[in-house]
Amino acid sequence: MNDSEILAEIGESNVFTIDEVCAILKALTERQPNGEAGDLLNNGHANIIYVRLDEKTVVPAHVGWHSGGRRWGLGAGSLDGHLWGAGRRVLVWG
């Protein structure tokens, strides 16, 4: 699926501010500091969260466990700049 298709399914209530995304990802990664099983996928697949940068701009951010480096990595891209394959997880509220 592309980002527009995902956003159509999860709705506007699951697009977060930068501050919210930072707090959410901080809390989730602190629960899995060494890549343990938990709410975030730890198998190298992306955990996707949508970020509102301004009134018109939403981008996908993604966090993933890098087993070789034994750390969580964070990235972001442009909307619809990537097709997300099966096995990825989208972070939603409620």
PDB file of N, CA and C in Angstrom:
ATOM      1  N   MET A   1       0.841  -1.184   0.000  1.00  0.00           N
ATOM      2  CA  MET A   1       0.000   0.000   0.000  1.00  0.00           C
ATOM      3  C   MET A   1       0.884   1.244   0.000  1.00  0.00           C
ATOM      4  N   ASN A   2       0.359   2.317  -0.565  1.00  0.00           N
ATOM      5  CA  ASN A   2       1.077   3.568  -0.448  1.00  0.00           C
ATOM      6  C   ASN A   2       0.505   4.358   0.735  1.00  0.00           C
ATOM      7  N   ASP A   3       1.122   5.471   1.048  1.00  0.00           N
ATOM      8  CA  ASP A   3       0.721   6.241   2.222  1.00  0.00           C
ATOM      9  C   ASP A   3      -0.705   6.770   2.117  1.00  0.00           C
ATOM     10  N   SER A   4      -1.107   7.240   0.949  1.00  0.00           N
ATOM     11  CA  SER A   4      -2.469   7.767   0.789  1.00  0.00           C
ATOM     12  C   SER A   4      -3.516   6.689   1.066  1.00  0.00           C
ATOM     13  N   GLU A   5      -3.251   5.471   0.625  1.00  0.00           N
ATOM     14  CA  GLU A   5      -4.176   4.365   0.893  1.00  0.00           C
ATOM     15  C   GLU A   5      -4.234   4.051   2.384  1.00  0.00           C
ATOM     16  N   ILE A   6      -3.088   4.049   3.021  1.00  0.00           N
ATOM     17  CA  ILE A   6      -3.043   3.783   4.465  1.00  0.00           C
ATOM     18  C   ILE A   6      -3.778   4.881   5.221  1.00  0.00           C
ATOM     19  N   LEU A   7      -3.504   6.145   4.886  1.00  0.00           N
ATOM     20  CA  LEU A   7      -4.155   7.261   5.573  1.00  0.00           C
ATOM     21  C   LEU A   7      -5.666   7.241   5.391  1.00  0.00           C
ATOM     22  N   ALA A   8      -6.138   6.810   4.235  1.00  0.00           N
ATOM     23  CA  ALA A   8      -7.580   6.708   4.004  1.00  0.00           C
ATOM     24  C   ALA A   8      -8.208   5.692   4.954  1.00  0.00           C
ATOM     25  N   GLU A   9      -7.457   4.661   5.308  1.00  0.00           N
ATOM     26  CA  GLU A   9      -7.968   3.630   6.218  1.00  0.00           C
ATOM     27  C   GLU A   9      -7.865   4.025   7.685  1.00  0.00           C
ATOM     28  N   ILE A  10      -6.769   4.680   8.080  1.00  0.00           N
ATOM     29  CA  ILE A  10      -6.569   4.952   9.507  1.00  0.00           C
ATOM     30  C   ILE A  10      -7.157   6.284   9.952  1.00  0.00           C
ATOM     31  N   GLY A  11      -7.367   7.213   9.046  1.00  0.00           N
ATOM     32  CA  GLY A  11      -8.015   8.472   9.379  1.00  0.00           C
ATOM     33  C   GLY A  11      -7.087   9.529   9.956  1.00  0.00           C
ATOM     34  N   GLU A  12      -7.590  10.752   9.938  1.00  0.00           N
ATOM     35  CA  GLU A  12      -6.845  11.932  10.385  1.00  0.00           C
ATOM     36  C   GLU A  12      -6.452  11.862  11.863  1.00  0.00           C
ATOM     37  N   SER A  13      -7.228  11.164  12.674  1.00  0.00           N
ATOM     38  CA  SER A  13      -6.909  11.094  14.104  1.00  0.00           C
ATOM     39  C   SER A  13      -5.611  10.331  14.367  1.00  0.00           C
ATOM     40  N   ASN A  14      -5.084   9.684  13.354  1.00  0.00           N
ATOM     41  CA  ASN A  14      -3.836   8.940  13.491  1.00  0.00           C
ATOM     42  C   ASN A  14      -2.673   9.614  12.773  1.00  0.00           C
ATOM     43  N   VAL A  15      -2.787  10.915  12.597  1.00  0.00           N
ATOM     44  CA  VAL A  15      -1.682  11.745  12.115  1.00  0.00           C
ATOM     45  C   VAL A  15      -1.290  12.619  13.298  1.00  0.00           C
ATOM     46  N   PHE A  16      -0.019  12.572  13.678  1.00  0.00           N
ATOM     47  CA  PHE A  16       0.439  13.180  14.914  1.00  0.00           C
ATOM     48  C   PHE A  16       1.379  14.350  14.667  1.00  0.00           C
ATOM     49  N   THR A  17       1.471  15.233  15.652  1.00  0.00           N
ATOM     50  CA  THR A  17       2.439  16.326  15.585  1.00  0.00           C
ATOM     51  C   THR A  17       3.840  15.759  15.818  1.00  0.00           C
ATOM     52  N   ILE A  18       4.833  16.550  15.504  1.00  0.00           N
ATOM     53  CA  ILE A  18       6.217  16.125  15.736  1.00  0.00           C
ATOM     54  C   ILE A  18       6.442  15.821  17.216  1.00  0.00           C
ATOM     55  N   ASP A  19       5.930  16.678  18.090  1.00  0.00           N
ATOM     56  CA  ASP A  19       6.094  16.447  19.531  1.00  0.00           C
ATOM     57  C   ASP A  19       5.441  15.148  19.968  1.00  0.00           C
ATOM     58  N   GLU A  20       4.243  14.873  19.443  1.00  0.00           N
ATOM     59  CA  GLU A  20       3.562  13.624  19.791  1.00  0.00           C
ATOM     60  C   GLU A  20       4.350  12.417  19.297  1.00  0.00           C
ATOM     61  N   VAL A  21       4.849  12.489  18.066  1.00  0.00           N
ATOM     62  CA  VAL A  21       5.619  11.369  17.510  1.00  0.00           C
ATOM     63  C   VAL A  21       6.871  11.118  18.355  1.00  0.00           C
ATOM     64  N   CYS A  22       7.558  12.176  18.728  1.00  0.00           N
ATOM     65  CA  CYS A  22       8.751  12.013  19.562  1.00  0.00           C
ATOM     66  C   CYS A  22       8.406  11.330  20.886  1.00  0.00           C
ATOM     67  N   ALA A  23       7.322  11.758  21.523  1.00  0.00           N
ATOM     68  CA  ALA A  23       6.917  11.165  22.799  1.00  0.00           C
ATOM     69  C   ALA A  23       6.499   9.709  22.628  1.00  0.00           C
ATOM     70  N   ILE A  24       5.735   9.422  21.577  1.00  0.00           N
ATOM     71  CA  ILE A  24       5.275   8.055  21.332  1.00  0.00           C
ATOM     72  C   ILE A  24       6.460   7.126  21.073  1.00  0.00           C
ATOM     73  N   LEU A  25       7.350   7.533  20.169  1.00  0.00           N
ATOM     74  CA  LEU A  25       8.482   6.667  19.826  1.00  0.00           C
ATOM     75  C   LEU A  25       9.461   6.532  20.989  1.00  0.00           C
ATOM     76  N   LYS A  26       9.648   7.575  21.762  1.00  0.00           N
ATOM     77  CA  LYS A  26      10.511   7.498  22.955  1.00  0.00           C
ATOM     78  C   LYS A  26       9.950   6.462  23.928  1.00  0.00           C
ATOM     79  N   ALA A  27       8.643   6.555  24.203  1.00  0.00           N
ATOM     80  CA  ALA A  27       8.026   5.615  25.141  1.00  0.00           C
ATOM     81  C   ALA A  27       8.107   4.174  24.628  1.00  0.00           C
ATOM     82  N   LEU A  28       7.824   3.977  23.354  1.00  0.00           N
ATOM     83  CA  LEU A  28       7.831   2.615  22.809  1.00  0.00           C
ATOM     84  C   LEU A  28       9.231   2.024  22.763  1.00  0.00           C
ATOM     85  N   THR A  29      10.210   2.791  22.327  1.00  0.00           N
ATOM     86  CA  THR A  29      11.573   2.241  22.250  1.00  0.00           C
ATOM     87  C   THR A  29      12.172   2.032  23.635  1.00  0.00           C
ATOM     88  N   GLU A  30      11.778   2.850  24.606  1.00  0.00           N
ATOM     89  CA  GLU A  30      12.271   2.636  25.972  1.00  0.00           C
ATOM     90  C   GLU A  30      11.741   1.334  26.567  1.00  0.00           C
ATOM     91  N   ARG A  31      10.592   0.868  26.095  1.00  0.00           N
ATOM     92  CA  ARG A  31      10.049  -0.416  26.556  1.00  0.00           C
ATOM     93  C   ARG A  31      10.766  -1.592  25.911  1.00  0.00           C
ATOM     94  N   GLN A  32      11.471  -1.350  24.803  1.00  0.00           N
ATOM     95  CA  GLN A  32      12.178  -2.397  24.073  1.00  0.00           C
ATOM     96  C   GLN A  32      13.610  -1.942  23.781  1.00  0.00           C
ATOM     97  N   PRO A  33      14.378  -1.543  24.797  1.00  0.00           N
ATOM     98  CA  PRO A  33      15.681  -0.915  24.541  1.00  0.00           C
ATOM     99  C   PRO A  33      16.689  -1.799  23.827  1.00  0.00           C
ATOM    100  N   ASN A  34      16.551  -3.080  23.961  1.00  0.00           N
ATOM    101  CA  ASN A  34      17.495  -4.001  23.329  1.00  0.00           C
ATOM    102  C   ASN A  34      16.847  -4.828  22.232  1.00  0.00           C
ATOM    103  N   GLY A  35      15.752  -4.290  21.678  1.00  0.00           N
ATOM    104  CA  GLY A  35      15.079  -4.975  20.581  1.00  0.00           C
ATOM    105  C   GLY A  35      14.216  -6.141  21.007  1.00  0.00           C
ATOM    106  N   GLU A  36      13.822  -6.149  22.263  1.00  0.00           N
ATOM    107  CA  GLU A  36      12.964  -7.220  22.754  1.00  0.00           C
ATOM    108  C   GLU A  36      11.619  -7.195  22.029  1.00  0.00           C
ATOM    109  N   ALA A  37      10.857  -8.283  22.160  1.00  0.00           N
ATOM    110  CA  ALA A  37       9.500  -8.327  21.621  1.00  0.00           C
ATOM    111  C   ALA A  37       8.642  -7.316  22.364  1.00  0.00           C
ATOM    112  N   GLY A  38       7.697  -6.726  21.654  1.00  0.00           N
ATOM    113  CA  GLY A  38       6.806  -5.746  22.272  1.00  0.00           C
ATOM    114  C   GLY A  38       5.904  -5.120  21.231  1.00  0.00           C
ATOM    115  N   ASP A  39       5.494  -3.888  21.482  1.00  0.00           N
ATOM    116  CA  ASP A  39       4.577  -3.200  20.582  1.00  0.00           C
ATOM    117  C   ASP A  39       5.200  -2.900  19.226  1.00  0.00           C
ATOM    118  N   LEU A  40       6.487  -2.647  19.185  1.00  0.00           N
ATOM    119  CA  LEU A  40       7.175  -2.364  17.928  1.00  0.00           C
ATOM    120  C   LEU A  40       7.705  -3.656  17.313  1.00  0.00           C
ATOM    121  N   LEU A  41       7.615  -3.757  15.991  1.00  0.00           N
ATOM    122  CA  LEU A  41       8.247  -4.879  15.306  1.00  0.00           C
ATOM    123  C   LEU A  41       9.754  -4.789  15.529  1.00  0.00           C
ATOM    124  N   ASN A  42      10.377  -5.907  15.765  1.00  0.00           N
ATOM    125  CA  ASN A  42      11.824  -5.925  15.989  1.00  0.00           C
ATOM    126  C   ASN A  42      12.540  -6.837  14.990  1.00  0.00           C
ATOM    127  N   ASN A  43      11.887  -7.068  13.853  1.00  0.00           N
ATOM    128  CA  ASN A  43      12.405  -8.010  12.854  1.00  0.00           C
ATOM    129  C   ASN A  43      12.983  -7.320  11.623  1.00  0.00           C
ATOM    130  N   GLY A  44      13.246  -6.010  11.735  1.00  0.00           N
ATOM    131  CA  GLY A  44      13.780  -5.267  10.607  1.00  0.00           C
ATOM    132  C   GLY A  44      12.725  -4.615   9.739  1.00  0.00           C
ATOM    133  N   HIS A  45      11.460  -4.958   9.948  1.00  0.00           N
ATOM    134  CA  HIS A  45      10.375  -4.326   9.205  1.00  0.00           C
ATOM    135  C   HIS A  45      10.027  -2.990   9.846  1.00  0.00           C
ATOM    136  N   ALA A  46       9.492  -2.091   9.041  1.00  0.00           N
ATOM    137  CA  ALA A  46       9.181  -0.742   9.508  1.00  0.00           C
ATOM    138  C   ALA A  46       7.951  -0.694  10.404  1.00  0.00           C
ATOM    139  N   ASN A  47       8.039   0.145  11.411  1.00  0.00           N
ATOM    140  CA  ASN A  47       6.910   0.572  12.222  1.00  0.00           C
ATOM    141  C   ASN A  47       6.636   2.001  11.759  1.00  0.00           C
ATOM    142  N   ILE A  48       5.489   2.224  11.146  1.00  0.00           N
ATOM    143  CA  ILE A  48       5.207   3.488  10.460  1.00  0.00           C
ATOM    144  C   ILE A  48       4.285   4.353  11.302  1.00  0.00           C
ATOM    145  N   ILE A  49       4.583   5.653  11.346  1.00  0.00           N
ATOM    146  CA  ILE A  49       3.732   6.615  12.027  1.00  0.00           C
ATOM    147  C   ILE A  49       3.690   7.872  11.161  1.00  0.00           C
ATOM    148  N   TYR A  50       2.531   8.491  11.098  1.00  0.00           N
ATOM    149  CA  TYR A  50       2.361   9.657  10.225  1.00  0.00           C
ATOM    150  C   TYR A  50       2.471  10.952  11.022  1.00  0.00           C
ATOM    151  N   VAL A  51       3.229  11.901  10.457  1.00  0.00           N
ATOM    152  CA  VAL A  51       3.587  13.142  11.135  1.00  0.00           C
ATOM    153  C   VAL A  51       3.063  14.333  10.331  1.00  0.00           C
ATOM    154  N   ARG A  52       2.369  15.236  11.017  1.00  0.00           N
ATOM    155  CA  ARG A  52       1.936  16.485  10.385  1.00  0.00           C
ATOM    156  C   ARG A  52       3.008  17.536  10.620  1.00  0.00           C
ATOM    157  N   LEU A  53       3.616  18.002   9.530  1.00  0.00           N
ATOM    158  CA  LEU A  53       4.653  19.025   9.629  1.00  0.00           C
ATOM    159  C   LEU A  53       4.071  20.429   9.643  1.00  0.00           C
ATOM    160  N   ASP A  54       2.986  20.623   8.884  1.00  0.00           N
ATOM    161  CA  ASP A  54       2.269  21.898   8.853  1.00  0.00           C
ATOM    162  C   ASP A  54       0.856  21.606   8.360  1.00  0.00           C
ATOM    163  N   GLU A  55       0.073  22.638   8.104  1.00  0.00           N
ATOM    164  CA  GLU A  55      -1.328  22.445   7.723  1.00  0.00           C
ATOM    165  C   GLU A  55      -1.517  21.534   6.514  1.00  0.00           C
ATOM    166  N   LYS A  56      -0.585  21.555   5.587  1.00  0.00           N
ATOM    167  CA  LYS A  56      -0.746  20.812   4.336  1.00  0.00           C
ATOM    168  C   LYS A  56       0.183  19.614   4.177  1.00  0.00           C
ATOM    169  N   THR A  57       1.160  19.471   5.063  1.00  0.00           N
ATOM    170  CA  THR A  57       2.199  18.469   4.840  1.00  0.00           C
ATOM    171  C   THR A  57       2.168  17.367   5.892  1.00  0.00           C
ATOM    172  N   VAL A  58       1.972  16.151   5.416  1.00  0.00           N
ATOM    173  CA  VAL A  58       2.044  14.944   6.242  1.00  0.00           C
ATOM    174  C   VAL A  58       3.111  14.051   5.635  1.00  0.00           C
ATOM    175  N   VAL A  59       3.951  13.479   6.481  1.00  0.00           N
ATOM    176  CA  VAL A  59       4.983  12.559   6.001  1.00  0.00           C
ATOM    177  C   VAL A  59       4.974  11.287   6.849  1.00  0.00           C
ATOM    178  N   PRO A  60       5.422  10.180   6.267  1.00  0.00           N
ATOM    179  CA  PRO A  60       5.573   8.957   7.049  1.00  0.00           C
ATOM    180  C   PRO A  60       6.942   8.952   7.730  1.00  0.00           C
ATOM    181  N   ALA A  61       6.937   8.633   8.995  1.00  0.00           N
ATOM    182  CA  ALA A  61       8.182   8.362   9.714  1.00  0.00           C
ATOM    183  C   ALA A  61       8.175   6.867  10.007  1.00  0.00           C
ATOM    184  N   HIS A  62       9.347   6.310  10.155  1.00  0.00           N
ATOM    185  CA  HIS A  62       9.412   4.876  10.449  1.00  0.00           C
ATOM    186  C   HIS A  62      10.562   4.599  11.396  1.00  0.00           C
ATOM    187  N   VAL A  63      10.319   3.665  12.285  1.00  0.00           N
ATOM    188  CA  VAL A  63      11.333   3.230  13.229  1.00  0.00           C
ATOM    189  C   VAL A  63      11.494   1.724  13.052  1.00  0.00           C
ATOM    190  N   GLY A  64      12.739   1.273  13.109  1.00  0.00           N
ATOM    191  CA  GLY A  64      13.004  -0.149  12.942  1.00  0.00           C
ATOM    192  C   GLY A  64      14.218  -0.581  13.743  1.00  0.00           C
ATOM    193  N   TRP A  65      14.229  -1.818  14.123  1.00  0.00           N
ATOM    194  CA  TRP A  65      15.335  -2.380  14.890  1.00  0.00           C
ATOM    195  C   TRP A  65      16.432  -2.833  13.936  1.00  0.00           C
ATOM    196  N   HIS A  66      17.643  -2.377  14.167  1.00  0.00           N
ATOM    197  CA  HIS A  66      18.814  -2.781  13.387  1.00  0.00           C
ATOM    198  C   HIS A  66      19.602  -3.773  14.233  1.00  0.00           C
ATOM    199  N   SER A  67      19.434  -5.048  13.946  1.00  0.00           N
ATOM    200  CA  SER A  67      20.047  -6.079  14.785  1.00  0.00           C
ATOM    201  C   SER A  67      21.565  -6.047  14.725  1.00  0.00           C
ATOM    202  N   GLY A  68      22.134  -5.705  13.579  1.00  0.00           N
ATOM    203  CA  GLY A  68      23.592  -5.653  13.471  1.00  0.00           C
ATOM    204  C   GLY A  68      24.191  -4.576  14.356  1.00  0.00           C
ATOM    205  N   GLY A  69      23.537  -3.429  14.403  1.00  0.00           N
ATOM    206  CA  GLY A  69      24.022  -2.323  15.227  1.00  0.00           C
ATOM    207  C   GLY A  69      23.428  -2.311  16.619  1.00  0.00           C
ATOM    208  N   ARG A  70      22.482  -3.246  16.870  1.00  0.00           N
ATOM    209  CA  ARG A  70      21.819  -3.354  18.173  1.00  0.00           C
ATOM    210  C   ARG A  70      21.231  -2.009  18.605  1.00  0.00           C
ATOM    211  N   ARG A  71      20.447  -1.390  17.694  1.00  0.00           N
ATOM    212  CA  ARG A  71      19.854  -0.089  18.007  1.00  0.00           C
ATOM    213  C   ARG A  71      18.590   0.116  17.187  1.00  0.00           C
ATOM    214  N   TRP A  72      17.779   1.059  17.642  1.00  0.00           N
ATOM    215  CA  TRP A  72      16.612   1.501  16.898  1.00  0.00           C
ATOM    216  C   TRP A  72      17.036   2.592  15.943  1.00  0.00           C
ATOM    217  N   GLY A  73      16.509   2.581  14.731  1.00  0.00           N
ATOM    218  CA  GLY A  73      16.784   3.617  13.752  1.00  0.00           C
ATOM    219  C   GLY A  73      15.492   4.305  13.352  1.00  0.00           C
ATOM    220  N   LEU A  74      15.577   5.579  13.094  1.00  0.00           N
ATOM    221  CA  LEU A  74      14.414   6.374  12.719  1.00  0.00           C
ATOM    222  C   LEU A  74      14.665   7.045  11.382  1.00  0.00           C
ATOM    223  N   GLY A  75      13.655   7.066  10.544  1.00  0.00           N
ATOM    224  CA  GLY A  75      13.756   7.739   9.256  1.00  0.00           C
ATOM    225  C   GLY A  75      12.424   8.364   8.891  1.00  0.00           C
ATOM    226  N   ALA A  76      12.425   9.149   7.851  1.00  0.00           N
ATOM    227  CA  ALA A  76      11.193   9.754   7.343  1.00  0.00           C
ATOM    228  C   ALA A  76      11.345   9.934   5.845  1.00  0.00           C
ATOM    229  N   GLY A  77      10.238  10.064   5.175  1.00  0.00           N
ATOM    230  CA  GLY A  77      10.276  10.234   3.731  1.00  0.00           C
ATOM    231  C   GLY A  77       9.131  11.094   3.267  1.00  0.00           C
ATOM    232  N   SER A  78       8.976  11.174   1.970  1.00  0.00           N
ATOM    233  CA  SER A  78       7.875  11.956   1.415  1.00  0.00           C
ATOM    234  C   SER A  78       6.630  11.079   1.306  1.00  0.00           C
ATOM    235  N   LEU A  79       5.479  11.732   1.356  1.00  0.00           N
ATOM    236  CA  LEU A  79       4.217  11.020   1.249  1.00  0.00           C
ATOM    237  C   LEU A  79       4.140  10.325  -0.104  1.00  0.00           C
ATOM    238  N   ASP A  80       3.773   9.074  -0.088  1.00  0.00           N
ATOM    239  CA  ASP A  80       3.656   8.225  -1.273  1.00  0.00           C
ATOM    240  C   ASP A  80       4.981   8.026  -1.994  1.00  0.00           C
ATOM    241  N   GLY A  81       6.082   8.253  -1.296  1.00  0.00           N
ATOM    242  CA  GLY A  81       7.395   8.024  -1.864  1.00  0.00           C
ATOM    243  C   GLY A  81       7.842   6.578  -1.752  1.00  0.00           C
ATOM    244  N   HIS A  82       6.989   5.738  -1.143  1.00  0.00           N
ATOM    245  CA  HIS A  82       7.374   4.351  -0.884  1.00  0.00           C
ATOM    246  C   HIS A  82       6.113   3.492  -0.866  1.00  0.00           C
ATOM    247  N   LEU A  83       6.212   2.290  -1.373  1.00  0.00           N
ATOM    248  CA  LEU A  83       5.144   1.311  -1.211  1.00  0.00           C
ATOM    249  C   LEU A  83       5.524   0.431  -0.032  1.00  0.00           C
ATOM    250  N   TRP A  84       4.656   0.372   0.947  1.00  0.00           N
ATOM    251  CA  TRP A  84       4.918  -0.422   2.148  1.00  0.00           C
ATOM    252  C   TRP A  84       4.421  -1.838   1.910  1.00  0.00           C
ATOM    253  N   GLY A  85       5.300  -2.809   1.994  1.00  0.00           N
ATOM    254  CA  GLY A  85       4.932  -4.193   1.777  1.00  0.00           C
ATOM    255  C   GLY A  85       4.289  -4.820   2.995  1.00  0.00           C
ATOM    256  N   ALA A  86       3.818  -6.032   2.810  1.00  0.00           N
ATOM    257  CA  ALA A  86       3.212  -6.779   3.907  1.00  0.00           C
ATOM    258  C   ALA A  86       4.211  -6.957   5.040  1.00  0.00           C
ATOM    259  N   GLY A  87       3.713  -6.995   6.239  1.00  0.00           N
ATOM    260  CA  GLY A  87       4.549  -7.235   7.404  1.00  0.00           C
ATOM    261  C   GLY A  87       4.990  -5.978   8.113  1.00  0.00           C
ATOM    262  N   ARG A  88       4.647  -4.810   7.569  1.00  0.00           N
ATOM    263  CA  ARG A  88       4.964  -3.551   8.249  1.00  0.00           C
ATOM    264  C   ARG A  88       3.843  -3.248   9.223  1.00  0.00           C
ATOM    265  N   ARG A  89       4.112  -2.421  10.215  1.00  0.00           N
ATOM    266  CA  ARG A  89       3.098  -2.072  11.206  1.00  0.00           C
ATOM    267  C   ARG A  89       2.896  -0.567  11.192  1.00  0.00           C
ATOM    268  N   VAL A  90       1.618  -0.154  11.143  1.00  0.00           N
ATOM    269  CA  VAL A  90       1.280   1.261  11.233  1.00  0.00           C
ATOM    270  C   VAL A  90       0.828   1.526  12.666  1.00  0.00           C
ATOM    271  N   LEU A  91       1.395   2.548  13.278  1.00  0.00           N
ATOM    272  CA  LEU A  91       1.052   2.887  14.657  1.00  0.00           C
ATOM    273  C   LEU A  91      -0.157   3.795  14.655  1.00  0.00           C
ATOM    274  N   VAL A  92      -1.204   3.384  15.356  1.00  0.00           N
ATOM    275  CA  VAL A  92      -2.444   4.137  15.427  1.00  0.00           C
ATOM    276  C   VAL A  92      -2.834   4.336  16.896  1.00  0.00           C
ATOM    277  N   TRP A  93      -3.683   5.316  17.119  1.00  0.00           N
ATOM    278  CA  TRP A  93      -4.149   5.624  18.472  1.00  0.00           C
ATOM    279  C   TRP A  93      -5.499   4.973  18.671  1.00  0.00           C
ATOM    280  N   GLY A  94      -5.621   4.206  19.767  1.00  0.00           N
ATOM    281  CA  GLY A  94      -6.906   3.619  20.146  1.00  0.00           C
ATOM    282  C   GLY A  94      -7.370   2.559  19.321  1.00  0.00           C
TER     283      GLY A  94
END
